[in-house]
C-alpha atoms as a PDB file:
ATOM      1  CA  UNK A   1       0.000   0.000   0.000  1.00  0.00           C
ATOM      2  CA  UNK A   2       1.194   3.510  -0.826  1.00  0.00           C
ATOM      3  CA  UNK A   3       5.007   3.211  -0.675  1.00  0.00           C
ATOM      4  CA  UNK A   4       5.092  -0.607  -1.063  1.00  0.00           C
ATOM      5  CA  UNK A   5       5.487  -1.372  -4.761  1.00  0.00           C
ATOM      6  CA  UNK A   6       5.455  -5.175  -4.835  1.00  0.00           C
ATOM      7  CA  UNK A   7       5.064  -8.490  -3.072  1.00  0.00           C
ATOM      8  CA  UNK A   8       3.820  -7.432   0.361  1.00  0.00           C
ATOM      9  CA  UNK A   9       1.905 -10.058   2.287  1.00  0.00           C
ATOM     10  CA  UNK A  10       0.163  -9.158   5.527  1.00  0.00           C
ATOM     11  CA  UNK A  11       1.014 -11.431   8.414  1.00  0.00           C
ATOM     12  CA  UNK A  12      -1.413 -12.635  11.077  1.00  0.00           C
ATOM     13  CA  UNK A  13      -2.164  -9.753  13.404  1.00  0.00           C
ATOM     14  CA  UNK A  14      -1.628  -7.079  10.723  1.00  0.00           C
ATOM     15  CA  UNK A  15      -4.472  -4.634  11.315  1.00  0.00           C
ATOM     16  CA  UNK A  16      -3.827  -2.467   8.255  1.00  0.00           C
ATOM     17  CA  UNK A  17      -7.010  -1.023   6.765  1.00  0.00           C
ATOM     18  CA  UNK A  18      -7.222   0.500   3.293  1.00  0.00           C
ATOM     19  CA  UNK A  19      -8.589   4.034   3.580  1.00  0.00           C
ATOM     20  CA  UNK A  20     -10.016   6.555   1.119  1.00  0.00           C
ATOM     21  CA  UNK A  21      -6.647   8.259   0.581  1.00  0.00           C
ATOM     22  CA  UNK A  22      -4.569   5.099   0.088  1.00  0.00           C
ATOM     23  CA  UNK A  23      -3.237   3.680  -3.173  1.00  0.00           C
ATOM     24  CA  UNK A  24      -3.128  -0.098  -3.023  1.00  0.00           C
ATOM     25  CA  UNK A  25      -1.622  -2.603  -5.429  1.00  0.00           C
ATOM     26  CA  UNK A  26      -3.288  -5.994  -5.266  1.00  0.00           C
ATOM     27  CA  UNK A  27      -0.640  -8.582  -6.129  1.00  0.00           C
ATOM     28  CA  UNK A  28      -1.758 -12.172  -6.638  1.00  0.00           C
ATOM     29  CA  UNK A  29      -0.490 -15.441  -8.030  1.00  0.00           C
ATOM     30  CA  UNK A  30      -1.935 -18.379  -9.900  1.00  0.00           C
ATOM     31  CA  UNK A  31      -0.590 -21.878 -10.428  1.00  0.00           C
ATOM     32  CA  UNK A  32      -1.879 -24.044 -13.284  1.00  0.00           C
ATOM     33  CA  UNK A  33      -0.121 -27.281 -14.250  1.00  0.00           C
ATOM     34  CA  UNK A  34       3.302 -26.043 -13.167  1.00  0.00           C
ATOM     35  CA  UNK A  35       2.937 -22.560 -14.655  1.00  0.00           C
ATOM     36  CA  UNK A  36       3.153 -20.057 -11.832  1.00  0.00           C
ATOM     37  CA  UNK A  37       2.329 -16.434 -12.572  1.00  0.00           C
ATOM     38  CA  UNK A  38       2.081 -13.292 -10.524  1.00  0.00           C
ATOM     39  CA  UNK A  39      -0.085 -10.369 -11.557  1.00  0.00           C
ATOM     40  CA  UNK A  40      -1.175  -7.109 -10.041  1.00  0.00           C
ATOM     41  CA  UNK A  41      -3.623  -4.267 -10.362  1.00  0.00           C
ATOM     42  CA  UNK A  42      -3.804  -0.953  -8.555  1.00  0.00           C
ATOM     43  CA  UNK A  43      -6.833   0.549  -6.807  1.00  0.00           C
ATOM     44  CA  UNK A  44      -7.529   3.916  -5.225  1.00  0.00           C
ATOM     45  CA  UNK A  45     -10.797   5.368  -3.964  1.00  0.00           C
ATOM     46  CA  UNK A  46      -9.826   9.056  -4.024  1.00  0.00           C
ATOM     47  CA  UNK A  47     -10.192  10.455  -7.585  1.00  0.00           C
ATOM     48  CA  UNK A  48      -7.061  12.561  -7.031  1.00  0.00           C
ATOM     49  CA  UNK A  49      -5.140   9.398  -7.995  1.00  0.00           C
ATOM     50  CA  UNK A  50      -7.067   8.737 -11.219  1.00  0.00           C
ATOM     51  CA  UNK A  51      -4.170   9.984 -13.376  1.00  0.00           C
ATOM     52  CA  UNK A  52      -1.789   7.644 -11.553  1.00  0.00           C
ATOM     53  CA  UNK A  53      -4.070   4.683 -12.238  1.00  0.00           C
ATOM     54  CA  UNK A  54      -4.435   5.764 -15.874  1.00  0.00           C
ATOM     55  CA  UNK A  55      -0.638   6.011 -16.182  1.00  0.00           C
ATOM     56  CA  UNK A  56      -0.188   2.449 -14.903  1.00  0.00           C
ATOM     57  CA  UNK A  57      -2.888   1.056 -17.174  1.00  0.00           C
ATOM     58  CA  UNK A  58      -1.665   2.984 -20.218  1.00  0.00           C
ATOM     59  CA  UNK A  59       1.961   1.923 -19.620  1.00  0.00           C
ATOM     60  CA  UNK A  60       0.911  -1.726 -19.231  1.00  0.00           C
ATOM     61  CA  UNK A  61      -1.109  -1.613 -22.434  1.00  0.00           C
ATOM     62  CA  UNK A  62       1.805   0.076 -24.216  1.00  0.00           C
ATOM     63  CA  UNK A  63       4.122  -2.749 -23.192  1.00  0.00           C
ATOM     64  CA  UNK A  64       1.653  -5.331 -24.472  1.00  0.00           C
ATOM     65  CA  UNK A  65       1.187  -3.451 -27.738  1.00  0.00           C
ATOM     66  CA  UNK A  66       4.961  -3.143 -28.295  1.00  0.00           C
ATOM     67  CA  UNK A  67       5.639  -6.834 -27.634  1.00  0.00           C
ATOM     68  CA  UNK A  68       6.225  -9.118 -30.580  1.00  0.00           C
ATOM     69  CA  UNK A  69       8.590 -11.536 -32.266  1.00  0.00           C
ATOM     70  CA  UNK A  70      11.157  -8.935 -33.334  1.00  0.00           C
ATOM     71  CA  UNK A  71      10.727  -6.619 -30.338  1.00  0.00           C
ATOM     72  CA  UNK A  72      13.790  -5.703 -28.306  1.00  0.00           C
ATOM     73  CA  UNK A  73      13.089  -5.831 -24.589  1.00  0.00           C
ATOM     74  CA  UNK A  74      14.954  -2.599 -23.860  1.00  0.00           C
ATOM     75  CA  UNK A  75      12.887  -0.797 -26.488  1.00  0.00           C
ATOM     76  CA  UNK A  76       9.667  -2.113 -24.956  1.00  0.00           C
ATOM     77  CA  UNK A  77      10.924  -0.786 -21.617  1.00  0.00           C
ATOM     78  CA  UNK A  78      11.636   2.605 -23.196  1.00  0.00           C
ATOM     79  CA  UNK A  79       8.054   2.849 -24.503  1.00  0.00           C
ATOM     80  CA  UNK A  80       6.660   1.808 -21.130  1.00  0.00           C
ATOM     81  CA  UNK A  81       8.777   4.452 -19.370  1.00  0.00           C
ATOM     82  CA  UNK A  82       7.877   7.142 -21.908  1.00  0.00           C
ATOM     83  CA  UNK A  83       4.173   6.413 -21.495  1.00  0.00           C
ATOM     84  CA  UNK A  84       4.275   6.264 -17.689  1.00  0.00           C
ATOM     85  CA  UNK A  85       6.320   9.425 -17.339  1.00  0.00           C
ATOM     86  CA  UNK A  86       4.023  11.405 -19.647  1.00  0.00           C
ATOM     87  CA  UNK A  87       1.547  11.628 -16.747  1.00  0.00           C
ATOM     88  CA  UNK A  88       1.317  13.954 -13.759  1.00  0.00           C
ATOM     89  CA  UNK A  89      -0.713  13.815 -10.557  1.00  0.00           C
ATOM     90  CA  UNK A  90      -1.906  16.903  -8.696  1.00  0.00           C
ATOM     91  CA  UNK A  91      -2.224  16.454  -4.936  1.00  0.00           C
ATOM     92  CA  UNK A  92      -3.269  19.353  -2.717  1.00  0.00           C
ATOM     93  CA  UNK A  93      -2.346  21.910  -5.381  1.00  0.00           C
ATOM     94  CA  UNK A  94       1.106  20.475  -6.080  1.00  0.00           C
ATOM     95  CA  UNK A  95       1.895  18.677  -9.342  1.00  0.00           C
ATOM     96  CA  UNK A  96       4.030  15.529  -9.204  1.00  0.00           C
ATOM     97  CA  UNK A  97       5.478  13.763 -12.246  1.00  0.00           C
ATOM     98  CA  UNK A  98       4.653  10.063 -12.394  1.00  0.00           C
ATOM     99  CA  UNK A  99       7.823   7.936 -12.389  1.00  0.00           C
ATOM    100  CA  UNK A 100       8.368   4.242 -13.036  1.00  0.00           C
ATOM    101  CA  UNK A 101       9.673   1.918 -10.341  1.00  0.00           C
ATOM    102  CA  UNK A 102      12.875   0.959 -12.113  1.00  0.00           C
ATOM    103  CA  UNK A 103      13.463  -2.438 -10.526  1.00  0.00           C
ATOM    104  CA  UNK A 104       9.996  -3.879 -11.194  1.00  0.00           C
ATOM    105  CA  UNK A 105       9.974  -6.016 -14.318  1.00  0.00           C
ATOM    106  CA  UNK A 106       7.886  -8.393 -16.316  1.00  0.00           C
ATOM    107  CA  UNK A 107       9.377 -11.831 -16.743  1.00  0.00           C
ATOM    108  CA  UNK A 108       9.168 -15.195 -18.439  1.00  0.00           C
ATOM    109  CA  UNK A 109       7.739 -18.188 -16.629  1.00  0.00           C
ATOM    110  CA  UNK A 110       8.803 -21.819 -16.917  1.00  0.00           C
ATOM    111  CA  UNK A 111       7.256 -24.862 -15.314  1.00  0.00           C
ATOM    112  CA  UNK A 112       7.591 -24.478 -11.552  1.00  0.00           C
ATOM    113  CA  UNK A 113       9.710 -21.299 -11.915  1.00  0.00           C
ATOM    114  CA  UNK A 114       7.901 -18.028 -11.316  1.00  0.00           C
ATOM    115  CA  UNK A 115      10.793 -15.816 -12.477  1.00  0.00           C
ATOM    116  CA  UNK A 116      12.490 -17.509 -15.403  1.00  0.00           C
ATOM    117  CA  UNK A 117      14.302 -16.618 -18.573  1.00  0.00           C
ATOM    118  CA  UNK A 118      13.793 -13.178 -20.011  1.00  0.00           C
ATOM    119  CA  UNK A 119      13.056 -10.024 -18.068  1.00  0.00           C
ATOM    120  CA  UNK A 120      10.984  -7.199 -19.539  1.00  0.00           C
ATOM    121  CA  UNK A 121      12.162  -3.902 -18.049  1.00  0.00           C
ATOM    122  CA  UNK A 122       9.860  -0.930 -17.524  1.00  0.00           C
ATOM    123  CA  UNK A 123      12.667   1.517 -18.361  1.00  0.00           C
ATOM    124  CA  UNK A 124      14.917   2.012 -21.364  1.00  0.00           C
ATOM    125  CA  UNK A 125      17.839  -0.432 -21.403  1.00  0.00           C
ATOM    126  CA  UNK A 126      20.219  -1.949 -23.949  1.00  0.00           C
ATOM    127  CA  UNK A 127      18.652  -5.372 -23.426  1.00  0.00           C
ATOM    128  CA  UNK A 128      17.913  -7.251 -26.640  1.00  0.00           C
END
């Protein structure tokens, strides 16, 4: 929630409650016949964060649109970054540029390996 970008799991006794002004990423996994995936989506109740949610969705869709047989992973990352960072969020009269979390990546999956093979960056790299 808020400052936690990935893979947080509440432990027993965690009394955290999502409030109107929180931004929360729901991160979940699925296992089907040895293929283990993790996915996420972001929610916020306060409309002040609508541009942030649009940035995330637009950047995700850009990455999917740019993917293909001849696509270079670093170039996909560049398009994702460009899309994400084209957004701004205004909070209490102050404008903040939306930035990517540089060390969060998409990735290949193999049977019984959740993070396998290729990594799809969300920033521009020289990765082929």
